[in-house]
Amino acid sequence: MREGDGEYDIQSYSPMSKTKVAITIDENLVQRIDRLVAERRFSSRSSAFQVAVKAHLERIDRTRLARECAKLDRRQERILAEEGASRDLEGWPEY
């Protein structure tokens, strides 16, 4: 996926300020990133890492949401939703 494509659009994600960090990473991964940069799929190593980290964090967030949703009692949630819906209907004017 190119850095400017769709969900990985680094331009729309870029914070106003950036922080430089040093990381240690497997040489094979660095070579793969360098190939992608050479193919112009990313403008730099930095942007490639930024896209990868952003994508992974978004995946973690989706997984966390799914885990939290799995904890819900469907029957209890339905009761609460129906109770709220009936209260909402009481407040609507008749036409």
PDB file of N, CA and C in Angstrom:
ATOM      1  N   MET A   1       0.849  -1.178   0.000  1.00  0.00           N
ATOM      2  CA  MET A   1       0.000   0.000   0.000  1.00  0.00           C
ATOM      3  C   MET A   1       0.889   1.234   0.000  1.00  0.00           C
ATOM      4  N   ARG A   2       0.604   2.175  -0.853  1.00  0.00           N
ATOM      5  CA  ARG A   2       1.390   3.404  -0.916  1.00  0.00           C
ATOM      6  C   ARG A   2       1.059   4.292   0.273  1.00  0.00           C
ATOM      7  N   GLU A   3       2.034   5.093   0.686  1.00  0.00           N
ATOM      8  CA  GLU A   3       1.822   5.894   1.879  1.00  0.00           C
ATOM      9  C   GLU A   3       0.686   6.884   1.725  1.00  0.00           C
ATOM     10  N   GLY A   4       0.381   7.322   0.532  1.00  0.00           N
ATOM     11  CA  GLY A   4      -0.688   8.285   0.332  1.00  0.00           C
ATOM     12  C   GLY A   4      -2.018   7.647   0.011  1.00  0.00           C
ATOM     13  N   ASP A   5      -2.098   6.320  -0.049  1.00  0.00           N
ATOM     14  CA  ASP A   5      -3.325   5.624  -0.417  1.00  0.00           C
ATOM     15  C   ASP A   5      -4.237   5.433   0.784  1.00  0.00           C
ATOM     16  N   GLY A   6      -5.500   5.719   0.577  1.00  0.00           N
ATOM     17  CA  GLY A   6      -6.586   5.377   1.486  1.00  0.00           C
ATOM     18  C   GLY A   6      -6.299   5.430   2.957  1.00  0.00           C
ATOM     19  N   GLU A   7      -6.497   4.291   3.619  1.00  0.00           N
ATOM     20  CA  GLU A   7      -6.426   4.262   5.071  1.00  0.00           C
ATOM     21  C   GLU A   7      -5.029   4.529   5.609  1.00  0.00           C
ATOM     22  N   TYR A   8      -4.024   4.430   4.767  1.00  0.00           N
ATOM     23  CA  TYR A   8      -2.667   4.654   5.224  1.00  0.00           C
ATOM     24  C   TYR A   8      -2.149   6.033   4.838  1.00  0.00           C
ATOM     25  N   ASP A   9      -3.046   6.963   4.627  1.00  0.00           N
ATOM     26  CA  ASP A   9      -2.664   8.302   4.201  1.00  0.00           C
ATOM     27  C   ASP A   9      -1.935   8.999   5.341  1.00  0.00           C
ATOM     28  N   ILE A  10      -0.643   9.007   5.257  1.00  0.00           N
ATOM     29  CA  ILE A  10       0.191   9.565   6.320  1.00  0.00           C
ATOM     30  C   ILE A  10       0.003  11.071   6.434  1.00  0.00           C
ATOM     31  N   GLN A  11      -0.339  11.732   5.339  1.00  0.00           N
ATOM     32  CA  GLN A  11      -0.518  13.189   5.369  1.00  0.00           C
ATOM     33  C   GLN A  11      -1.665  13.567   6.308  1.00  0.00           C
ATOM     34  N   SER A  12      -2.753  12.814   6.279  1.00  0.00           N
ATOM     35  CA  SER A  12      -3.896  13.157   7.122  1.00  0.00           C
ATOM     36  C   SER A  12      -3.646  12.791   8.577  1.00  0.00           C
ATOM     37  N   TYR A  13      -2.660  11.963   8.843  1.00  0.00           N
ATOM     38  CA  TYR A  13      -2.389  11.511  10.201  1.00  0.00           C
ATOM     39  C   TYR A  13      -1.306  12.336  10.873  1.00  0.00           C
ATOM     40  N   SER A  14      -0.435  12.925  10.103  1.00  0.00           N
ATOM     41  CA  SER A  14       0.743  13.587  10.642  1.00  0.00           C
ATOM     42  C   SER A  14       0.396  14.603  11.722  1.00  0.00           C
ATOM     43  N   PRO A  15       0.952  14.411  12.913  1.00  0.00           N
ATOM     44  CA  PRO A  15       0.727  15.393  13.967  1.00  0.00           C
ATOM     45  C   PRO A  15       1.505  16.676  13.658  1.00  0.00           C
ATOM     46  N   MET A  16       1.158  17.748  14.323  1.00  0.00           N
ATOM     47  CA  MET A  16       1.830  19.018  14.071  1.00  0.00           C
ATOM     48  C   MET A  16       3.300  18.944  14.459  1.00  0.00           C
ATOM     49  N   SER A  17       3.602  18.245  15.543  1.00  0.00           N
ATOM     50  CA  SER A  17       4.999  18.113  15.933  1.00  0.00           C
ATOM     51  C   SER A  17       5.380  16.642  15.897  1.00  0.00           C
ATOM     52  N   LYS A  18       6.629  16.402  15.647  1.00  0.00           N
ATOM     53  CA  LYS A  18       7.119  15.029  15.572  1.00  0.00           C
ATOM     54  C   LYS A  18       8.269  14.868  16.550  1.00  0.00           C
ATOM     55  N   THR A  19       8.481  13.644  16.961  1.00  0.00           N
ATOM     56  CA  THR A  19       9.558  13.319  17.874  1.00  0.00           C
ATOM     57  C   THR A  19      10.455  12.296  17.222  1.00  0.00           C
ATOM     58  N   LYS A  20      11.733  12.539  17.275  1.00  0.00           N
ATOM     59  CA  LYS A  20      12.687  11.590  16.717  1.00  0.00           C
ATOM     60  C   LYS A  20      12.958  10.516  17.768  1.00  0.00           C
ATOM     61  N   VAL A  21      12.907   9.253  17.337  1.00  0.00           N
ATOM     62  CA  VAL A  21      13.199   8.133  18.230  1.00  0.00           C
ATOM     63  C   VAL A  21      14.214   7.223  17.551  1.00  0.00           C
ATOM     64  N   ALA A  22      14.972   6.553  18.343  1.00  0.00           N
ATOM     65  CA  ALA A  22      15.917   5.568  17.819  1.00  0.00           C
ATOM     66  C   ALA A  22      15.372   4.186  18.152  1.00  0.00           C
ATOM     67  N   ILE A  23      15.395   3.274  17.176  1.00  0.00           N
ATOM     68  CA  ILE A  23      14.913   1.922  17.417  1.00  0.00           C
ATOM     69  C   ILE A  23      15.949   0.924  16.915  1.00  0.00           C
ATOM     70  N   THR A  24      15.869  -0.257  17.424  1.00  0.00           N
ATOM     71  CA  THR A  24      16.690  -1.357  16.945  1.00  0.00           C
ATOM     72  C   THR A  24      15.740  -2.307  16.229  1.00  0.00           C
ATOM     73  N   ILE A  25      16.086  -2.657  15.000  1.00  0.00           N
ATOM     74  CA  ILE A  25      15.184  -3.467  14.189  1.00  0.00           C
ATOM     75  C   ILE A  25      15.988  -4.480  13.386  1.00  0.00           C
ATOM     76  N   ASP A  26      15.374  -5.608  13.121  1.00  0.00           N
ATOM     77  CA  ASP A  26      15.999  -6.676  12.368  1.00  0.00           C
ATOM     78  C   ASP A  26      16.469  -6.173  10.993  1.00  0.00           C
ATOM     79  N   GLU A  27      17.673  -6.531  10.609  1.00  0.00           N
ATOM     80  CA  GLU A  27      18.254  -6.071   9.344  1.00  0.00           C
ATOM     81  C   GLU A  27      17.403  -6.462   8.140  1.00  0.00           C
ATOM     82  N   ASN A  28      16.781  -7.629   8.174  1.00  0.00           N
ATOM     83  CA  ASN A  28      15.923  -8.047   7.060  1.00  0.00           C
ATOM     84  C   ASN A  28      14.731  -7.104   6.883  1.00  0.00           C
ATOM     85  N   LEU A  29      14.176  -6.650   7.984  1.00  0.00           N
ATOM     86  CA  LEU A  29      13.065  -5.703   7.893  1.00  0.00           C
ATOM     87  C   LEU A  29      13.531  -4.371   7.311  1.00  0.00           C
ATOM     88  N   VAL A  30      14.695  -3.930   7.720  1.00  0.00           N
ATOM     89  CA  VAL A  30      15.246  -2.681   7.192  1.00  0.00           C
ATOM     90  C   VAL A  30      15.451  -2.802   5.684  1.00  0.00           C
ATOM     91  N   GLN A  31      15.959  -3.930   5.241  1.00  0.00           N
ATOM     92  CA  GLN A  31      16.167  -4.132   3.802  1.00  0.00           C
ATOM     93  C   GLN A  31      14.838  -4.108   3.048  1.00  0.00           C
ATOM     94  N   ARG A  32      13.823  -4.712   3.625  1.00  0.00           N
ATOM     95  CA  ARG A  32      12.502  -4.694   2.979  1.00  0.00           C
ATOM     96  C   ARG A  32      11.951  -3.276   2.901  1.00  0.00           C
ATOM     97  N   ILE A  33      12.107  -2.528   3.973  1.00  0.00           N
ATOM     98  CA  ILE A  33      11.656  -1.130   3.986  1.00  0.00           C
ATOM     99  C   ILE A  33      12.428  -0.335   2.939  1.00  0.00           C
ATOM    100  N   ASP A  34      13.735  -0.543   2.886  1.00  0.00           N
ATOM    101  CA  ASP A  34      14.558   0.175   1.907  1.00  0.00           C
ATOM    102  C   ASP A  34      14.122  -0.136   0.470  1.00  0.00           C
ATOM    103  N   ARG A  35      13.741  -1.384   0.207  1.00  0.00           N
ATOM    104  CA  ARG A  35      13.245  -1.721  -1.128  1.00  0.00           C
ATOM    105  C   ARG A  35      11.956  -0.963  -1.445  1.00  0.00           C
ATOM    106  N   LEU A  36      11.080  -0.879  -0.472  1.00  0.00           N
ATOM    107  CA  LEU A  36       9.824  -0.150  -0.677  1.00  0.00           C
ATOM    108  C   LEU A  36      10.080   1.338  -0.913  1.00  0.00           C
ATOM    109  N   VAL A  37      11.053   1.888  -0.221  1.00  0.00           N
ATOM    110  CA  VAL A  37      11.424   3.287  -0.435  1.00  0.00           C
ATOM    111  C   VAL A  37      12.015   3.448  -1.832  1.00  0.00           C
ATOM    112  N   ALA A  38      12.878   2.517  -2.236  1.00  0.00           N
ATOM    113  CA  ALA A  38      13.476   2.576  -3.575  1.00  0.00           C
ATOM    114  C   ALA A  38      12.404   2.465  -4.673  1.00  0.00           C
ATOM    115  N   GLU A  39      11.353   1.689  -4.396  1.00  0.00           N
ATOM    116  CA  GLU A  39      10.238   1.542  -5.344  1.00  0.00           C
ATOM    117  C   GLU A  39       9.270   2.719  -5.261  1.00  0.00           C
ATOM    118  N   ARG A  40       9.595   3.668  -4.408  1.00  0.00           N
ATOM    119  CA  ARG A  40       8.779   4.878  -4.194  1.00  0.00           C
ATOM    120  C   ARG A  40       7.397   4.566  -3.632  1.00  0.00           C
ATOM    121  N   ARG A  41       7.299   3.473  -2.911  1.00  0.00           N
ATOM    122  CA  ARG A  41       6.031   3.168  -2.225  1.00  0.00           C
ATOM    123  C   ARG A  41       5.924   4.007  -0.967  1.00  0.00           C
ATOM    124  N   PHE A  42       7.068   4.423  -0.432  1.00  0.00           N
ATOM    125  CA  PHE A  42       7.154   5.350   0.698  1.00  0.00           C
ATOM    126  C   PHE A  42       8.211   6.377   0.357  1.00  0.00           C
ATOM    127  N   SER A  43       8.058   7.575   0.906  1.00  0.00           N
ATOM    128  CA  SER A  43       9.033   8.618   0.617  1.00  0.00           C
ATOM    129  C   SER A  43      10.307   8.462   1.435  1.00  0.00           C
ATOM    130  N   SER A  44      10.222   7.736   2.560  1.00  0.00           N
ATOM    131  CA  SER A  44      11.393   7.564   3.428  1.00  0.00           C
ATOM    132  C   SER A  44      11.163   6.392   4.374  1.00  0.00           C
ATOM    133  N   ARG A  45      12.214   5.989   5.030  1.00  0.00           N
ATOM    134  CA  ARG A  45      12.078   4.956   6.066  1.00  0.00           C
ATOM    135  C   ARG A  45      11.128   5.444   7.149  1.00  0.00           C
ATOM    136  N   SER A  46      11.311   6.689   7.513  1.00  0.00           N
ATOM    137  CA  SER A  46      10.496   7.260   8.578  1.00  0.00           C
ATOM    138  C   SER A  46       9.009   7.156   8.264  1.00  0.00           C
ATOM    139  N   SER A  47       8.622   7.533   7.046  1.00  0.00           N
ATOM    140  CA  SER A  47       7.203   7.468   6.709  1.00  0.00           C
ATOM    141  C   SER A  47       6.719   6.018   6.664  1.00  0.00           C
ATOM    142  N   ALA A  48       7.564   5.098   6.227  1.00  0.00           N
ATOM    143  CA  ALA A  48       7.186   3.683   6.201  1.00  0.00           C
ATOM    144  C   ALA A  48       6.921   3.172   7.619  1.00  0.00           C
ATOM    145  N   PHE A  49       7.806   3.525   8.541  1.00  0.00           N
ATOM    146  CA  PHE A  49       7.615   3.091   9.928  1.00  0.00           C
ATOM    147  C   PHE A  49       6.376   3.742  10.529  1.00  0.00           C
ATOM    148  N   GLN A  50       6.148   5.009  10.212  1.00  0.00           N
ATOM    149  CA  GLN A  50       4.984   5.705  10.737  1.00  0.00           C
ATOM    150  C   GLN A  50       3.693   5.042  10.269  1.00  0.00           C
ATOM    151  N   VAL A  51       3.626   4.695   8.994  1.00  0.00           N
ATOM    152  CA  VAL A  51       2.444   4.034   8.450  1.00  0.00           C
ATOM    153  C   VAL A  51       2.247   2.675   9.111  1.00  0.00           C
ATOM    154  N   ALA A  52       3.326   1.927   9.263  1.00  0.00           N
ATOM    155  CA  ALA A  52       3.236   0.586   9.856  1.00  0.00           C
ATOM    156  C   ALA A  52       2.776   0.654  11.315  1.00  0.00           C
ATOM    157  N   VAL A  53       3.334   1.578  12.072  1.00  0.00           N
ATOM    158  CA  VAL A  53       2.960   1.702  13.480  1.00  0.00           C
ATOM    159  C   VAL A  53       1.511   2.152  13.599  1.00  0.00           C
ATOM    160  N   LYS A  54       1.109   3.119  12.790  1.00  0.00           N
ATOM    161  CA  LYS A  54      -0.276   3.597  12.816  1.00  0.00           C
ATOM    162  C   LYS A  54      -1.240   2.461  12.504  1.00  0.00           C
ATOM    163  N   ALA A  55      -0.950   1.684  11.457  1.00  0.00           N
ATOM    164  CA  ALA A  55      -1.821   0.581  11.067  1.00  0.00           C
ATOM    165  C   ALA A  55      -1.925  -0.451  12.195  1.00  0.00           C
ATOM    166  N   HIS A  56      -0.802  -0.746  12.827  1.00  0.00           N
ATOM    167  CA  HIS A  56      -0.812  -1.739  13.901  1.00  0.00           C
ATOM    168  C   HIS A  56      -1.598  -1.226  15.113  1.00  0.00           C
ATOM    169  N   LEU A  57      -1.427   0.034  15.463  1.00  0.00           N
ATOM    170  CA  LEU A  57      -2.162   0.590  16.591  1.00  0.00           C
ATOM    171  C   LEU A  57      -3.667   0.606  16.315  1.00  0.00           C
ATOM    172  N   GLU A  58      -4.049   0.903  15.084  1.00  0.00           N
ATOM    173  CA  GLU A  58      -5.466   0.867  14.727  1.00  0.00           C
ATOM    174  C   GLU A  58      -6.018  -0.555  14.841  1.00  0.00           C
ATOM    175  N   ARG A  59      -5.228  -1.542  14.446  1.00  0.00           N
ATOM    176  CA  ARG A  59      -5.646  -2.939  14.560  1.00  0.00           C
ATOM    177  C   ARG A  59      -5.814  -3.315  16.031  1.00  0.00           C
ATOM    178  N   ILE A  60      -4.901  -2.854  16.875  1.00  0.00           N
ATOM    179  CA  ILE A  60      -5.007  -3.119  18.314  1.00  0.00           C
ATOM    180  C   ILE A  60      -6.295  -2.505  18.857  1.00  0.00           C
ATOM    181  N   ASP A  61      -6.589  -1.268  18.448  1.00  0.00           N
ATOM    182  CA  ASP A  61      -7.810  -0.613  18.922  1.00  0.00           C
ATOM    183  C   ASP A  61      -9.054  -1.384  18.494  1.00  0.00           C
ATOM    184  N   ARG A  62      -9.093  -1.848  17.237  1.00  0.00           N
ATOM    185  CA  ARG A  62     -10.259  -2.618  16.768  1.00  0.00           C
ATOM    186  C   ARG A  62     -10.386  -3.914  17.546  1.00  0.00           C
ATOM    187  N   THR A  63      -9.275  -4.576  17.804  1.00  0.00           N
ATOM    188  CA  THR A  63      -9.294  -5.828  18.545  1.00  0.00           C
ATOM    189  C   THR A  63      -9.773  -5.589  19.968  1.00  0.00           C
ATOM    190  N   ARG A  64      -9.332  -4.494  20.569  1.00  0.00           N
ATOM    191  CA  ARG A  64      -9.741  -4.168  21.928  1.00  0.00           C
ATOM    192  C   ARG A  64     -11.241  -3.919  21.975  1.00  0.00           C
ATOM    193  N   LEU A  65     -11.751  -3.183  21.009  1.00  0.00           N
ATOM    194  CA  LEU A  65     -13.193  -2.929  20.952  1.00  0.00           C
ATOM    195  C   LEU A  65     -13.964  -4.236  20.829  1.00  0.00           C
ATOM    196  N   ALA A  66     -13.479  -5.137  19.987  1.00  0.00           N
ATOM    197  CA  ALA A  66     -14.141  -6.434  19.808  1.00  0.00           C
ATOM    198  C   ALA A  66     -14.131  -7.224  21.115  1.00  0.00           C
ATOM    199  N   ARG A  67     -13.007  -7.198  21.834  1.00  0.00           N
ATOM    200  CA  ARG A  67     -12.933  -7.911  23.117  1.00  0.00           C
ATOM    201  C   ARG A  67     -13.913  -7.326  24.125  1.00  0.00           C
ATOM    202  N   GLU A  68     -13.984  -6.003  24.177  1.00  0.00           N
ATOM    203  CA  GLU A  68     -14.901  -5.357  25.115  1.00  0.00           C
ATOM    204  C   GLU A  68     -16.356  -5.666  24.745  1.00  0.00           C
ATOM    205  N   CYS A  69     -16.661  -5.661  23.466  1.00  0.00           N
ATOM    206  CA  CYS A  69     -18.024  -5.974  23.026  1.00  0.00           C
ATOM    207  C   CYS A  69     -18.393  -7.414  23.368  1.00  0.00           C
ATOM    208  N   ALA A  70     -17.425  -8.299  23.287  1.00  0.00           N
ATOM    209  CA  ALA A  70     -17.680  -9.711  23.590  1.00  0.00           C
ATOM    210  C   ALA A  70     -18.047  -9.910  25.060  1.00  0.00           C
ATOM    211  N   LYS A  71     -17.640  -8.976  25.908  1.00  0.00           N
ATOM    212  CA  LYS A  71     -17.942  -9.075  27.337  1.00  0.00           C
ATOM    213  C   LYS A  71     -19.386  -8.694  27.644  1.00  0.00           C
ATOM    214  N   LEU A  72     -20.031  -8.006  26.707  1.00  0.00           N
ATOM    215  CA  LEU A  72     -21.388  -7.535  26.961  1.00  0.00           C
ATOM    216  C   LEU A  72     -22.381  -8.696  26.991  1.00  0.00           C
ATOM    217  N   ASP A  73     -23.368  -8.563  27.835  1.00  0.00           N
ATOM    218  CA  ASP A  73     -24.463  -9.527  27.911  1.00  0.00           C
ATOM    219  C   ASP A  73     -25.518  -9.066  26.906  1.00  0.00           C
ATOM    220  N   ARG A  74     -25.683  -9.808  25.831  1.00  0.00           N
ATOM    221  CA  ARG A  74     -26.602  -9.396  24.759  1.00  0.00           C
ATOM    222  C   ARG A  74     -28.027  -9.198  25.271  1.00  0.00           C
ATOM    223  N   ARG A  75     -28.451 -10.079  26.116  1.00  0.00           N
ATOM    224  CA  ARG A  75     -29.822  -9.985  26.635  1.00  0.00           C
ATOM    225  C   ARG A  75     -29.991  -8.701  27.437  1.00  0.00           C
ATOM    226  N   GLN A  76     -29.051  -8.409  28.297  1.00  0.00           N
ATOM    227  CA  GLN A  76     -29.118  -7.198  29.122  1.00  0.00           C
ATOM    228  C   GLN A  76     -29.029  -5.941  28.250  1.00  0.00           C
ATOM    229  N   GLU A  77     -28.177  -5.964  27.249  1.00  0.00           N
ATOM    230  CA  GLU A  77     -28.042  -4.813  26.341  1.00  0.00           C
ATOM    231  C   GLU A  77     -29.340  -4.584  25.566  1.00  0.00           C
ATOM    232  N   ARG A  78     -29.996  -5.665  25.154  1.00  0.00           N
ATOM    233  CA  ARG A  78     -31.267  -5.540  24.433  1.00  0.00           C
ATOM    234  C   ARG A  78     -32.325  -4.920  25.342  1.00  0.00           C
ATOM    235  N   ILE A  79     -32.392  -5.364  26.589  1.00  0.00           N
ATOM    236  CA  ILE A  79     -33.350  -4.818  27.558  1.00  0.00           C
ATOM    237  C   ILE A  79     -33.109  -3.329  27.744  1.00  0.00           C
ATOM    238  N   LEU A  80     -31.843  -2.948  27.902  1.00  0.00           N
ATOM    239  CA  LEU A  80     -31.513  -1.528  28.075  1.00  0.00           C
ATOM    240  C   LEU A  80     -31.877  -0.712  26.843  1.00  0.00           C
ATOM    241  N   ALA A  81     -31.604  -1.263  25.662  1.00  0.00           N
ATOM    242  CA  ALA A  81     -31.913  -0.549  24.419  1.00  0.00           C
ATOM    243  C   ALA A  81     -33.415  -0.376  24.258  1.00  0.00           C
ATOM    244  N   GLU A  82     -34.185  -1.426  24.543  1.00  0.00           N
ATOM    245  CA  GLU A  82     -35.640  -1.333  24.412  1.00  0.00           C
ATOM    246  C   GLU A  82     -36.222  -0.378  25.443  1.00  0.00           C
ATOM    247  N   GLU A  83     -35.653  -0.379  26.625  1.00  0.00           N
ATOM    248  CA  GLU A  83     -36.110   0.535  27.670  1.00  0.00           C
ATOM    249  C   GLU A  83     -35.841   1.983  27.239  1.00  0.00           C
ATOM    250  N   GLY A  84     -34.668   2.228  26.698  1.00  0.00           N
ATOM    251  CA  GLY A  84     -34.333   3.568  26.230  1.00  0.00           C
ATOM    252  C   GLY A  84     -35.191   3.991  25.057  1.00  0.00           C
ATOM    253  N   ALA A  85     -35.460   3.065  24.161  1.00  0.00           N
ATOM    254  CA  ALA A  85     -36.279   3.382  22.984  1.00  0.00           C
ATOM    255  C   ALA A  85     -37.700   3.729  23.401  1.00  0.00           C
ATOM    256  N   SER A  86     -38.255   3.010  24.368  1.00  0.00           N
ATOM    257  CA  SER A  86     -39.631   3.307  24.795  1.00  0.00           C
ATOM    258  C   SER A  86     -39.681   4.663  25.488  1.00  0.00           C
ATOM    259  N   ARG A  87     -38.656   5.018  26.239  1.00  0.00           N
ATOM    260  CA  ARG A  87     -38.607   6.337  26.862  1.00  0.00           C
ATOM    261  C   ARG A  87     -38.507   7.424  25.816  1.00  0.00           C
ATOM    262  N   ASP A  88     -37.706   7.184  24.777  1.00  0.00           N
ATOM    263  CA  ASP A  88     -37.562   8.155  23.697  1.00  0.00           C
ATOM    264  C   ASP A  88     -38.893   8.390  23.005  1.00  0.00           C
ATOM    265  N   LEU A  89     -39.651   7.321  22.784  1.00  0.00           N
ATOM    266  CA  LEU A  89     -40.937   7.441  22.097  1.00  0.00           C
ATOM    267  C   LEU A  89     -41.933   8.257  22.909  1.00  0.00           C
ATOM    268  N   GLU A  90     -41.846   8.167  24.245  1.00  0.00           N
ATOM    269  CA  GLU A  90     -42.766   8.916  25.109  1.00  0.00           C
ATOM    270  C   GLU A  90     -42.564  10.424  24.955  1.00  0.00           C
ATOM    271  N   GLY A  91     -41.357  10.827  24.663  1.00  0.00           N
ATOM    272  CA  GLY A  91     -41.056  12.248  24.561  1.00  0.00           C
ATOM    273  C   GLY A  91     -41.351  12.851  23.193  1.00  0.00           C
ATOM    274  N   TRP A  92     -41.697  12.049  22.205  1.00  0.00           N
ATOM    275  CA  TRP A  92     -41.969  12.552  20.857  1.00  0.00           C
ATOM    276  C   TRP A  92     -43.405  13.053  20.761  1.00  0.00           C
ATOM    277  N   PRO A  93     -43.631  14.168  20.119  1.00  0.00           N
ATOM    278  CA  PRO A  93     -44.995  14.682  19.952  1.00  0.00           C
ATOM    279  C   PRO A  93     -45.760  13.843  18.929  1.00  0.00           C
ATOM    280  N   GLU A  94     -47.064  13.758  19.132  1.00  0.00           N
ATOM    281  CA  GLU A  94     -47.894  13.052  18.153  1.00  0.00           C
ATOM    282  C   GLU A  94     -48.206  13.969  16.998  1.00  0.00           C
ATOM    283  N   TYR A  95     -48.277  13.435  15.819  1.00  0.00           N
ATOM    284  CA  TYR A  95     -48.585  14.234  14.629  1.00  0.00           C
ATOM    285  C   TYR A  95     -49.951  13.898  14.116  1.00  0.00           C
TER     286      TYR A  95
END
